[in-house]
Structures are given as structure tokens and as C-alpha cells.
Amino acid sequence: MAEKKFKREIVEWVVIVSIGLGLYVTGLHTQVIGFVQRAVLSTGIITPDFDAHAAEEVSYNFQLFDVNGERVFFEDYKGKTVFINFWATWCPPCIAEMPDINDLYAEVSSDVEFLIISVDQDQGKAKRFVSNKGFDFPIFFPASQIPSNLKSNAIPTTLVISPDGRIVSKREGMAKYNTDAFKAFLKKL
């Protein structure tokens, strides 16, 4: 009886490891992990922090490329509320929060500028990812050094810049942004 139980456990572990390796080899592990993390985000327990009183001044001295390779100057966004998200296609938390960010974009893009900045080495991969997922927000790529107060060693990192040029929200890690509280915060700016 014990030998039969042991054999069954071995078979179970072989199946689990095979599935894990299969997901990893095919590259689908990122999508699966992102899906699980999206389920966590849907609970609303991970939300962004925002405090307009703890604001740090931002440097507008950097440039981006849009999906067409056109240079975009960040200083063109002075005087506007800007939502910035640094992400990559290989980052499960980034993938998890993107549908929510896209929903937020659909609701507030008339009042807020969105800069969804890919840090992928392969820009084509990022473009295909966004296109395949049907996201509407614009994506960009760094064209110059990012100012130190906008940088982070973690992705995703999301910042909100107020019209007076201050960082009023900075979150390292995923969060649910399409909430009534966060939209009210953005509209107050």
C-alpha cells in the first residue's frame, strides 16, 4: 500500500514539474503568473498611495520615442497631469495591472496624459504585446536618460506628475489604479 502511494506521489510530481517546465519553455509562465496576479488585483487590496503634500519636483529634461519612432519631449507635458508607468513584457506584475490601467486610460485620458514606457530591449515585442492585448493607451520607449527621481530598480513603477511639476504619487510594484478614489485624486490635480 505504501509503495502504491509513493508511486502515485512520484507521478503527481512529474506531472507538476512537466507542466511548470512546459510553461517556462514556451514562455507562457509570464502570462500565467500575470493572470494569477490580476486575480489578486481584482480584489482591490493593492491600491496606489497618493499624497499631494509629499510632492517632489520633477525634471522635465528627458525624451522618449513613440511607437512610430518619433521623438517625444517630456517638457511638452508641463502644466498637465501625467500618469507614467514603467513596464516590460517579461514582467508578470506589469502584465497583471495593464488591463486595469487600460480601463483607467479609457475613463480619464481626456484629463490626464498617459506615458506607458516600455523598458523592453526589443521594442517590437512590446508593440506586438500591446497590439495583441488590444490596449488603447500609448506606449513609449526611453530616448534619453530618465531623471533619477523618476527611476526605480523595480518594475512596474507608476508615478503621477501634477500640473505644477511635482511627483504626487509613486508606486513600485503592481496596484489597482482604476478605483473611484484614485480617479478622484487625478481629477483634483
N, C-alpha and C. Protein backbone atom coordinates (compact mmCIF):
# COMPACT_ATOMS: atom_id res chain seq x y z
N MET A 1 0.82 -1.19 0.00
CA MET A 1 0.00 0.00 0.00
C MET A 1 0.87 1.26 0.00
N ALA A 2 1.91 1.27 0.83
CA ALA A 2 2.80 2.41 0.91
C ALA A 2 3.55 2.61 -0.40
N GLU A 3 3.90 1.50 -1.06
CA GLU A 3 4.63 1.60 -2.33
C GLU A 3 3.73 2.20 -3.41
N LYS A 4 2.45 1.86 -3.42
CA LYS A 4 1.49 2.39 -4.38
C LYS A 4 1.31 3.90 -4.18
N LYS A 5 1.23 4.30 -2.91
CA LYS A 5 1.09 5.71 -2.57
C LYS A 5 2.33 6.49 -3.02
N PHE A 6 3.51 5.92 -2.81
CA PHE A 6 4.77 6.56 -3.19
C PHE A 6 4.82 6.74 -4.71
N LYS A 7 4.44 5.70 -5.47
CA LYS A 7 4.44 5.79 -6.93
C LYS A 7 3.47 6.87 -7.41
N ARG A 8 2.32 6.97 -6.76
CA ARG A 8 1.34 7.99 -7.14
C ARG A 8 1.90 9.39 -6.90
N GLU A 9 2.58 9.59 -5.77
CA GLU A 9 3.19 10.90 -5.49
C GLU A 9 4.26 11.23 -6.53
N ILE A 10 5.06 10.25 -6.92
CA ILE A 10 6.09 10.49 -7.95
C ILE A 10 5.42 10.92 -9.25
N VAL A 11 4.37 10.23 -9.65
CA VAL A 11 3.66 10.59 -10.88
C VAL A 11 3.09 12.01 -10.77
N GLU A 12 2.51 12.35 -9.64
CA GLU A 12 1.97 13.69 -9.45
C GLU A 12 3.06 14.75 -9.59
N TRP A 13 4.20 14.53 -8.97
CA TRP A 13 5.31 15.48 -9.05
C TRP A 13 5.85 15.58 -10.46
N VAL A 14 5.93 14.48 -11.17
CA VAL A 14 6.39 14.51 -12.57
C VAL A 14 5.44 15.35 -13.41
N VAL A 15 4.15 15.20 -13.19
CA VAL A 15 3.16 15.99 -13.94
C VAL A 15 3.30 17.47 -13.61
N ILE A 16 3.41 17.80 -12.33
CA ILE A 16 3.54 19.20 -11.91
C ILE A 16 4.81 19.83 -12.49
N VAL A 17 5.92 19.14 -12.38
CA VAL A 17 7.19 19.66 -12.90
C VAL A 17 7.12 19.77 -14.42
N SER A 18 6.50 18.82 -15.08
CA SER A 18 6.37 18.87 -16.54
C SER A 18 5.54 20.07 -16.98
N ILE A 19 4.46 20.32 -16.28
CA ILE A 19 3.63 21.49 -16.61
C ILE A 19 4.44 22.77 -16.40
N GLY A 20 5.12 22.86 -15.27
CA GLY A 20 5.94 24.04 -14.99
C GLY A 20 7.01 24.25 -16.03
N LEU A 21 7.73 23.20 -16.39
CA LEU A 21 8.76 23.32 -17.42
C LEU A 21 8.17 23.67 -18.78
N GLY A 22 7.01 23.07 -19.08
CA GLY A 22 6.35 23.38 -20.35
C GLY A 22 5.97 24.85 -20.44
N LEU A 23 5.43 25.39 -19.36
CA LEU A 23 5.09 26.81 -19.34
C LEU A 23 6.33 27.68 -19.47
N TYR A 24 7.39 27.29 -18.79
CA TYR A 24 8.62 28.08 -18.83
C TYR A 24 9.24 28.05 -20.22
N VAL A 25 9.36 26.87 -20.81
CA VAL A 25 10.00 26.73 -22.12
C VAL A 25 9.21 27.47 -23.19
N THR A 26 7.90 27.43 -23.12
CA THR A 26 7.08 28.12 -24.12
C THR A 26 6.95 29.62 -23.86
N GLY A 27 7.39 30.07 -22.70
CA GLY A 27 7.28 31.48 -22.35
C GLY A 27 5.92 31.86 -21.80
N LEU A 28 5.04 30.91 -21.64
CA LEU A 28 3.70 31.20 -21.14
C LEU A 28 3.65 31.41 -19.64
N HIS A 29 4.73 31.11 -18.95
CA HIS A 29 4.73 31.27 -17.49
C HIS A 29 4.47 32.72 -17.08
N THR A 30 4.97 33.66 -17.86
CA THR A 30 4.75 35.08 -17.56
C THR A 30 3.26 35.41 -17.63
N GLN A 31 2.60 34.89 -18.66
CA GLN A 31 1.16 35.13 -18.82
C GLN A 31 0.37 34.49 -17.69
N VAL A 32 0.73 33.27 -17.32
CA VAL A 32 0.01 32.56 -16.26
C VAL A 32 0.19 33.27 -14.92
N ILE A 33 1.42 33.65 -14.60
CA ILE A 33 1.68 34.36 -13.35
C ILE A 33 0.95 35.70 -13.35
N GLY A 34 0.97 36.39 -14.50
CA GLY A 34 0.26 37.66 -14.62
C GLY A 34 -1.24 37.48 -14.41
N PHE A 35 -1.80 36.40 -14.93
CA PHE A 35 -3.22 36.12 -14.75
C PHE A 35 -3.56 35.93 -13.27
N VAL A 36 -2.72 35.17 -12.56
CA VAL A 36 -2.95 34.95 -11.14
C VAL A 36 -2.84 36.27 -10.38
N GLN A 37 -1.84 37.08 -10.71
CA GLN A 37 -1.68 38.37 -10.04
C GLN A 37 -2.83 39.32 -10.37
N ARG A 38 -3.38 39.22 -11.57
CA ARG A 38 -4.53 40.05 -11.94
C ARG A 38 -5.73 39.70 -11.06
N ALA A 39 -5.86 38.42 -10.73
CA ALA A 39 -6.93 38.00 -9.83
C ALA A 39 -6.76 38.64 -8.45
N VAL A 40 -5.51 38.72 -8.00
CA VAL A 40 -5.23 39.38 -6.72
C VAL A 40 -5.59 40.86 -6.81
N LEU A 41 -5.22 41.52 -7.91
CA LEU A 41 -5.55 42.94 -8.08
C LEU A 41 -7.05 43.18 -8.10
N SER A 42 -7.80 42.25 -8.67
CA SER A 42 -9.24 42.45 -8.77
C SER A 42 -9.92 42.53 -7.40
N THR A 43 -9.25 42.06 -6.37
CA THR A 43 -9.81 42.16 -5.02
C THR A 43 -9.77 43.59 -4.51
N GLY A 44 -8.89 44.42 -5.09
CA GLY A 44 -8.79 45.81 -4.65
C GLY A 44 -7.94 46.00 -3.40
N ILE A 45 -7.23 44.96 -2.96
CA ILE A 45 -6.44 45.10 -1.74
C ILE A 45 -5.09 45.78 -1.98
N ILE A 46 -4.66 45.85 -3.24
CA ILE A 46 -3.40 46.54 -3.54
C ILE A 46 -3.75 47.79 -4.35
N THR A 47 -3.69 48.93 -3.69
CA THR A 47 -4.03 50.20 -4.34
C THR A 47 -2.85 51.16 -4.22
N PRO A 48 -2.78 52.16 -5.09
CA PRO A 48 -1.67 53.10 -5.04
C PRO A 48 -1.76 54.04 -3.84
N ASP A 49 -0.61 54.51 -3.42
CA ASP A 49 -0.55 55.54 -2.39
C ASP A 49 -0.49 56.88 -3.10
N PHE A 50 -1.17 57.85 -2.57
CA PHE A 50 -1.05 59.19 -3.15
C PHE A 50 -1.19 60.22 -2.05
N ASP A 51 -0.29 61.19 -2.13
CA ASP A 51 -0.26 62.26 -1.14
C ASP A 51 0.32 63.50 -1.80
N ALA A 52 -0.52 64.40 -2.18
CA ALA A 52 -0.07 65.61 -2.89
C ALA A 52 0.78 66.50 -2.01
N HIS A 53 0.78 66.28 -0.71
CA HIS A 53 1.57 67.13 0.18
C HIS A 53 3.02 66.67 0.30
N ALA A 54 3.31 65.45 -0.10
CA ALA A 54 4.67 64.91 -0.02
C ALA A 54 5.32 64.95 -1.40
N ALA A 55 5.02 65.98 -2.17
CA ALA A 55 5.41 66.05 -3.57
C ALA A 55 6.87 66.49 -3.76
N GLU A 56 7.53 65.81 -4.68
CA GLU A 56 8.91 66.12 -5.06
C GLU A 56 8.88 66.70 -6.47
N GLU A 57 9.69 67.72 -6.72
CA GLU A 57 9.72 68.36 -8.03
C GLU A 57 10.33 67.42 -9.07
N VAL A 58 9.77 67.42 -10.26
CA VAL A 58 10.23 66.53 -11.33
C VAL A 58 11.08 67.29 -12.33
N SER A 59 12.03 66.59 -12.94
CA SER A 59 12.82 67.16 -14.03
C SER A 59 12.14 66.78 -15.34
N TYR A 60 11.91 67.77 -16.18
CA TYR A 60 11.29 67.52 -17.48
C TYR A 60 12.33 67.29 -18.56
N ASN A 61 13.57 67.12 -18.17
CA ASN A 61 14.67 67.03 -19.12
C ASN A 61 14.93 65.58 -19.56
N PHE A 62 13.98 65.00 -20.28
CA PHE A 62 14.24 63.71 -20.91
C PHE A 62 13.31 63.53 -22.11
N GLN A 63 13.67 62.53 -22.92
CA GLN A 63 12.95 62.31 -24.17
C GLN A 63 12.55 60.85 -24.30
N LEU A 64 11.52 60.65 -25.11
CA LEU A 64 11.01 59.31 -25.38
C LEU A 64 10.85 59.14 -26.89
N PHE A 65 10.66 57.88 -27.30
CA PHE A 65 10.23 57.58 -28.66
C PHE A 65 8.82 57.02 -28.58
N ASP A 66 7.96 57.42 -29.53
CA ASP A 66 6.65 56.80 -29.59
C ASP A 66 6.74 55.53 -30.44
N VAL A 67 5.63 54.86 -30.68
CA VAL A 67 5.67 53.59 -31.42
C VAL A 67 6.09 53.76 -32.88
N ASN A 68 6.02 54.99 -33.38
CA ASN A 68 6.44 55.25 -34.77
C ASN A 68 7.89 55.71 -34.85
N GLY A 69 8.58 55.74 -33.71
CA GLY A 69 9.97 56.18 -33.69
C GLY A 69 10.13 57.68 -33.64
N GLU A 70 9.04 58.41 -33.48
CA GLU A 70 9.09 59.86 -33.37
C GLU A 70 9.55 60.25 -31.97
N ARG A 71 10.41 61.26 -31.88
CA ARG A 71 10.91 61.74 -30.60
C ARG A 71 9.83 62.56 -29.89
N VAL A 72 9.65 62.29 -28.60
CA VAL A 72 8.68 62.99 -27.77
C VAL A 72 9.44 63.64 -26.63
N PHE A 73 9.22 64.93 -26.42
CA PHE A 73 9.91 65.67 -25.38
C PHE A 73 9.01 65.76 -24.15
N PHE A 74 9.51 65.30 -23.01
CA PHE A 74 8.71 65.30 -21.79
C PHE A 74 8.32 66.71 -21.39
N GLU A 75 9.13 67.71 -21.73
CA GLU A 75 8.79 69.08 -21.35
C GLU A 75 7.50 69.56 -22.02
N ASP A 76 7.06 68.87 -23.08
CA ASP A 76 5.77 69.21 -23.71
C ASP A 76 4.59 68.89 -22.78
N TYR A 77 4.85 68.15 -21.72
CA TYR A 77 3.79 67.77 -20.77
C TYR A 77 3.73 68.69 -19.56
N LYS A 78 4.55 69.74 -19.54
CA LYS A 78 4.49 70.70 -18.44
C LYS A 78 3.09 71.29 -18.36
N GLY A 79 2.61 71.45 -17.14
CA GLY A 79 1.29 72.04 -16.95
C GLY A 79 0.15 71.04 -17.06
N LYS A 80 0.48 69.76 -17.23
CA LYS A 80 -0.55 68.73 -17.36
C LYS A 80 -0.38 67.67 -16.28
N THR A 81 -1.46 66.98 -15.98
CA THR A 81 -1.38 65.81 -15.09
C THR A 81 -0.91 64.65 -15.94
N VAL A 82 0.15 63.96 -15.47
CA VAL A 82 0.75 62.89 -16.26
C VAL A 82 0.81 61.61 -15.42
N PHE A 83 0.31 60.53 -15.99
CA PHE A 83 0.37 59.19 -15.40
C PHE A 83 1.48 58.46 -16.15
N ILE A 84 2.54 58.06 -15.44
CA ILE A 84 3.68 57.36 -16.05
C ILE A 84 3.75 55.96 -15.47
N ASN A 85 3.90 54.98 -16.36
CA ASN A 85 4.06 53.59 -15.92
C ASN A 85 5.23 52.98 -16.68
N PHE A 86 6.24 52.49 -15.91
CA PHE A 86 7.37 51.76 -16.49
C PHE A 86 7.05 50.28 -16.41
N TRP A 87 7.19 49.56 -17.51
CA TRP A 87 6.78 48.16 -17.59
C TRP A 87 7.64 47.39 -18.58
N ALA A 88 7.45 46.07 -18.61
CA ALA A 88 8.11 45.21 -19.60
C ALA A 88 7.23 44.00 -19.86
N THR A 89 7.37 43.41 -21.04
CA THR A 89 6.57 42.26 -21.41
C THR A 89 6.92 41.02 -20.60
N TRP A 90 8.12 40.96 -20.06
CA TRP A 90 8.57 39.79 -19.28
C TRP A 90 8.24 39.91 -17.80
N CYS A 91 7.50 40.92 -17.41
CA CYS A 91 7.20 41.22 -16.00
C CYS A 91 5.76 40.84 -15.67
N PRO A 92 5.53 39.72 -14.93
CA PRO A 92 4.16 39.33 -14.61
C PRO A 92 3.34 40.39 -13.88
N PRO A 93 3.89 41.12 -12.89
CA PRO A 93 3.06 42.16 -12.26
C PRO A 93 2.67 43.27 -13.23
N CYS A 94 3.55 43.56 -14.19
CA CYS A 94 3.22 44.57 -15.21
C CYS A 94 2.02 44.10 -16.03
N ILE A 95 2.09 42.84 -16.46
CA ILE A 95 1.02 42.26 -17.26
C ILE A 95 -0.28 42.23 -16.46
N ALA A 96 -0.17 41.95 -15.17
CA ALA A 96 -1.36 41.86 -14.32
C ALA A 96 -2.09 43.19 -14.21
N GLU A 97 -1.36 44.30 -14.12
CA GLU A 97 -2.03 45.58 -13.91
C GLU A 97 -2.42 46.30 -15.20
N MET A 98 -1.95 45.84 -16.34
CA MET A 98 -2.21 46.56 -17.59
C MET A 98 -3.68 46.65 -17.99
N PRO A 99 -4.50 45.60 -17.84
CA PRO A 99 -5.92 45.76 -18.19
C PRO A 99 -6.59 46.86 -17.35
N ASP A 100 -6.23 46.94 -16.09
CA ASP A 100 -6.78 47.96 -15.21
C ASP A 100 -6.32 49.36 -15.63
N ILE A 101 -5.04 49.48 -16.00
CA ILE A 101 -4.52 50.76 -16.47
C ILE A 101 -5.22 51.16 -17.77
N ASN A 102 -5.47 50.19 -18.64
CA ASN A 102 -6.18 50.48 -19.88
C ASN A 102 -7.60 50.98 -19.61
N ASP A 103 -8.26 50.38 -18.62
CA ASP A 103 -9.60 50.85 -18.24
C ASP A 103 -9.54 52.26 -17.68
N LEU A 104 -8.53 52.54 -16.86
CA LEU A 104 -8.35 53.90 -16.32
C LEU A 104 -8.12 54.88 -17.46
N TYR A 105 -7.26 54.51 -18.40
CA TYR A 105 -6.99 55.35 -19.57
C TYR A 105 -8.29 55.69 -20.31
N ALA A 106 -9.13 54.69 -20.51
CA ALA A 106 -10.39 54.90 -21.23
C ALA A 106 -11.29 55.90 -20.50
N GLU A 107 -11.20 55.93 -19.19
CA GLU A 107 -12.08 56.81 -18.41
C GLU A 107 -11.55 58.22 -18.19
N VAL A 108 -10.23 58.39 -18.08
CA VAL A 108 -9.71 59.71 -17.68
C VAL A 108 -8.71 60.31 -18.66
N SER A 109 -8.50 59.70 -19.81
CA SER A 109 -7.47 60.21 -20.73
C SER A 109 -7.77 61.59 -21.28
N SER A 110 -9.00 62.06 -21.17
CA SER A 110 -9.30 63.43 -21.62
C SER A 110 -8.74 64.45 -20.64
N ASP A 111 -8.48 64.03 -19.39
CA ASP A 111 -7.96 64.94 -18.36
C ASP A 111 -6.51 64.65 -17.97
N VAL A 112 -6.03 63.46 -18.29
CA VAL A 112 -4.71 63.01 -17.85
C VAL A 112 -3.93 62.49 -19.04
N GLU A 113 -2.65 62.86 -19.11
CA GLU A 113 -1.76 62.33 -20.15
C GLU A 113 -1.18 61.00 -19.65
N PHE A 114 -1.12 60.01 -20.51
CA PHE A 114 -0.58 58.70 -20.14
C PHE A 114 0.71 58.44 -20.91
N LEU A 115 1.76 58.11 -20.17
CA LEU A 115 3.03 57.70 -20.76
C LEU A 115 3.33 56.30 -20.23
N ILE A 116 3.02 55.31 -21.01
CA ILE A 116 3.26 53.92 -20.64
C ILE A 116 4.59 53.55 -21.30
N ILE A 117 5.66 53.50 -20.49
CA ILE A 117 7.03 53.42 -21.01
C ILE A 117 7.57 52.00 -20.86
N SER A 118 7.83 51.39 -22.00
CA SER A 118 8.37 50.02 -22.02
C SER A 118 9.88 50.07 -21.84
N VAL A 119 10.39 49.19 -20.98
CA VAL A 119 11.83 49.06 -20.80
C VAL A 119 12.35 47.79 -21.47
N ASP A 120 11.53 47.20 -22.34
CA ASP A 120 11.95 46.02 -23.10
C ASP A 120 13.10 46.38 -24.03
N GLN A 121 14.05 45.47 -24.17
CA GLN A 121 15.14 45.65 -25.13
C GLN A 121 14.59 45.61 -26.56
N ASP A 122 13.62 44.74 -26.80
CA ASP A 122 13.02 44.55 -28.11
C ASP A 122 11.72 45.36 -28.19
N GLN A 123 11.79 46.52 -28.82
CA GLN A 123 10.62 47.38 -28.91
C GLN A 123 9.49 46.73 -29.69
N GLY A 124 9.85 45.93 -30.69
CA GLY A 124 8.83 45.23 -31.48
C GLY A 124 8.01 44.29 -30.62
N LYS A 125 8.65 43.63 -29.68
CA LYS A 125 7.94 42.71 -28.79
C LYS A 125 6.92 43.47 -27.95
N ALA A 126 7.30 44.64 -27.45
CA ALA A 126 6.38 45.46 -26.66
C ALA A 126 5.21 45.94 -27.52
N LYS A 127 5.50 46.36 -28.73
CA LYS A 127 4.43 46.82 -29.63
C LYS A 127 3.45 45.69 -29.94
N ARG A 128 3.98 44.50 -30.24
CA ARG A 128 3.13 43.35 -30.54
C ARG A 128 2.28 42.96 -29.33
N PHE A 129 2.90 43.00 -28.16
CA PHE A 129 2.18 42.64 -26.92
C PHE A 129 0.97 43.55 -26.74
N VAL A 130 1.18 44.86 -26.82
CA VAL A 130 0.09 45.83 -26.62
C VAL A 130 -0.98 45.66 -27.71
N SER A 131 -0.55 45.45 -28.93
CA SER A 131 -1.50 45.26 -30.03
C SER A 131 -2.31 43.97 -29.84
N ASN A 132 -1.63 42.88 -29.50
CA ASN A 132 -2.32 41.60 -29.31
C ASN A 132 -3.32 41.64 -28.17
N LYS A 133 -3.02 42.41 -27.13
CA LYS A 133 -3.92 42.51 -25.98
C LYS A 133 -5.05 43.51 -26.23
N GLY A 134 -4.95 44.32 -27.28
CA GLY A 134 -5.99 45.28 -27.60
C GLY A 134 -6.01 46.49 -26.68
N PHE A 135 -4.85 46.83 -26.09
CA PHE A 135 -4.80 48.00 -25.22
C PHE A 135 -4.82 49.27 -26.06
N ASP A 136 -5.46 50.30 -25.53
CA ASP A 136 -5.62 51.56 -26.26
C ASP A 136 -4.60 52.63 -25.87
N PHE A 137 -4.00 52.49 -24.70
CA PHE A 137 -3.08 53.53 -24.24
C PHE A 137 -1.83 53.57 -25.11
N PRO A 138 -1.20 54.76 -25.19
CA PRO A 138 0.01 54.89 -26.00
C PRO A 138 1.23 54.36 -25.24
N ILE A 139 2.12 53.69 -25.97
CA ILE A 139 3.35 53.24 -25.33
C ILE A 139 4.53 54.01 -25.90
N PHE A 140 5.56 54.13 -25.08
CA PHE A 140 6.75 54.88 -25.42
C PHE A 140 7.98 54.08 -25.00
N PHE A 141 9.14 54.55 -25.48
CA PHE A 141 10.41 53.93 -25.15
C PHE A 141 11.40 55.03 -24.79
N PRO A 142 12.27 54.81 -23.82
CA PRO A 142 13.23 55.85 -23.45
C PRO A 142 14.14 56.22 -24.64
N ALA A 143 14.33 57.51 -24.83
CA ALA A 143 15.24 58.00 -25.87
C ALA A 143 16.42 58.73 -25.25
N SER A 144 16.39 58.92 -23.95
CA SER A 144 17.48 59.56 -23.23
C SER A 144 17.46 59.03 -21.80
N GLN A 145 18.41 59.49 -21.03
CA GLN A 145 18.48 59.09 -19.62
C GLN A 145 17.23 59.57 -18.88
N ILE A 146 16.62 58.68 -18.10
CA ILE A 146 15.45 59.04 -17.30
C ILE A 146 15.96 59.77 -16.04
N PRO A 147 15.35 60.89 -15.66
CA PRO A 147 15.78 61.61 -14.44
C PRO A 147 15.76 60.68 -13.22
N SER A 148 16.71 60.88 -12.33
CA SER A 148 16.88 59.97 -11.20
C SER A 148 15.65 59.86 -10.30
N ASN A 149 14.89 60.94 -10.14
CA ASN A 149 13.73 60.85 -9.25
C ASN A 149 12.54 60.14 -9.90
N LEU A 150 12.62 59.84 -11.19
CA LEU A 150 11.59 59.05 -11.85
C LEU A 150 12.00 57.58 -11.96
N LYS A 151 13.29 57.32 -11.82
CA LYS A 151 13.82 55.96 -11.97
C LYS A 151 13.48 55.10 -10.77
N SER A 152 13.53 53.81 -11.03
CA SER A 152 13.33 52.82 -9.98
C SER A 152 14.06 51.55 -10.39
N ASN A 153 14.45 50.77 -9.43
CA ASN A 153 15.05 49.47 -9.73
C ASN A 153 13.98 48.40 -9.86
N ALA A 154 12.73 48.77 -9.66
CA ALA A 154 11.63 47.82 -9.72
C ALA A 154 10.68 48.19 -10.86
N ILE A 155 10.12 47.15 -11.47
CA ILE A 155 9.02 47.38 -12.39
C ILE A 155 7.91 46.42 -12.01
N PRO A 156 6.70 46.80 -12.16
CA PRO A 156 6.28 48.11 -12.64
C PRO A 156 6.52 49.21 -11.60
N THR A 157 6.76 50.38 -12.11
CA THR A 157 6.79 51.59 -11.28
C THR A 157 5.85 52.58 -11.94
N THR A 158 4.98 53.16 -11.13
CA THR A 158 4.00 54.10 -11.64
C THR A 158 4.10 55.40 -10.86
N LEU A 159 4.07 56.51 -11.60
CA LEU A 159 4.14 57.84 -11.00
C LEU A 159 3.02 58.71 -11.54
N VAL A 160 2.61 59.67 -10.74
CA VAL A 160 1.69 60.70 -11.21
C VAL A 160 2.39 62.03 -10.98
N ILE A 161 2.43 62.82 -12.05
CA ILE A 161 3.03 64.15 -12.01
C ILE A 161 1.88 65.17 -12.06
N SER A 162 1.90 66.10 -11.14
CA SER A 162 0.85 67.13 -11.10
C SER A 162 1.13 68.21 -12.13
N PRO A 163 0.14 69.02 -12.48
CA PRO A 163 0.36 70.11 -13.44
C PRO A 163 1.43 71.11 -13.00
N ASP A 164 1.69 71.21 -11.69
CA ASP A 164 2.73 72.13 -11.23
C ASP A 164 4.11 71.45 -11.17
N GLY A 165 4.23 70.27 -11.79
CA GLY A 165 5.54 69.64 -11.93
C GLY A 165 6.05 68.88 -10.72
N ARG A 166 5.16 68.32 -9.95
CA ARG A 166 5.56 67.58 -8.75
C ARG A 166 5.09 66.13 -8.84
N ILE A 167 5.94 65.23 -8.30
CA ILE A 167 5.57 63.82 -8.21
C ILE A 167 4.64 63.69 -7.01
N VAL A 168 3.38 63.40 -7.29
CA VAL A 168 2.39 63.32 -6.21
C VAL A 168 2.00 61.88 -5.89
N SER A 169 2.50 60.94 -6.67
CA SER A 169 2.28 59.52 -6.39
C SER A 169 3.40 58.74 -7.04
N LYS A 170 3.98 57.82 -6.28
CA LYS A 170 4.99 56.92 -6.84
C LYS A 170 4.81 55.56 -6.19
N ARG A 171 4.60 54.56 -7.03
CA ARG A 171 4.38 53.20 -6.54
C ARG A 171 5.30 52.24 -7.27
N GLU A 172 6.09 51.51 -6.52
CA GLU A 172 6.90 50.43 -7.08
C GLU A 172 6.15 49.14 -6.82
N GLY A 173 5.84 48.42 -7.88
CA GLY A 173 5.03 47.21 -7.77
C GLY A 173 3.65 47.46 -8.33
N MET A 174 2.92 46.37 -8.48
CA MET A 174 1.60 46.47 -9.10
C MET A 174 0.57 47.06 -8.15
N ALA A 175 -0.47 47.61 -8.74
CA ALA A 175 -1.59 48.15 -7.97
C ALA A 175 -2.82 48.23 -8.85
N LYS A 176 -3.95 48.38 -8.23
CA LYS A 176 -5.21 48.60 -8.94
C LYS A 176 -5.44 50.11 -8.98
N TYR A 177 -5.36 50.68 -10.18
CA TYR A 177 -5.46 52.13 -10.34
C TYR A 177 -6.86 52.60 -10.70
N ASN A 178 -7.64 51.75 -11.33
CA ASN A 178 -8.97 52.17 -11.77
C ASN A 178 -9.97 52.05 -10.63
N THR A 179 -9.77 52.90 -9.63
CA THR A 179 -10.68 52.95 -8.48
C THR A 179 -11.29 54.35 -8.40
N ASP A 180 -12.41 54.46 -7.74
CA ASP A 180 -13.05 55.77 -7.58
C ASP A 180 -12.14 56.75 -6.84
N ALA A 181 -11.45 56.26 -5.81
CA ALA A 181 -10.57 57.13 -5.02
C ALA A 181 -9.41 57.66 -5.86
N PHE A 182 -8.80 56.79 -6.68
CA PHE A 182 -7.66 57.22 -7.49
C PHE A 182 -8.13 58.16 -8.60
N LYS A 183 -9.26 57.89 -9.21
CA LYS A 183 -9.78 58.80 -10.24
C LYS A 183 -10.12 60.17 -9.65
N ALA A 184 -10.68 60.19 -8.46
CA ALA A 184 -10.97 61.47 -7.78
C ALA A 184 -9.67 62.22 -7.50
N PHE A 185 -8.63 61.50 -7.06
CA PHE A 185 -7.32 62.10 -6.83
C PHE A 185 -6.78 62.74 -8.11
N LEU A 186 -6.86 62.01 -9.23
CA LEU A 186 -6.37 62.55 -10.50
C LEU A 186 -7.16 63.78 -10.92
N LYS A 187 -8.46 63.78 -10.75
CA LYS A 187 -9.29 64.90 -11.18
C LYS A 187 -9.06 66.14 -10.33
N LYS A 188 -8.66 65.96 -9.06
CA LYS A 188 -8.37 67.11 -8.18
C LYS A 188 -7.11 67.85 -8.60
N LEU A 189 -6.23 67.14 -9.28
CA LEU A 189 -4.98 67.77 -9.67
C LEU A 189 -5.22 68.78 -10.76
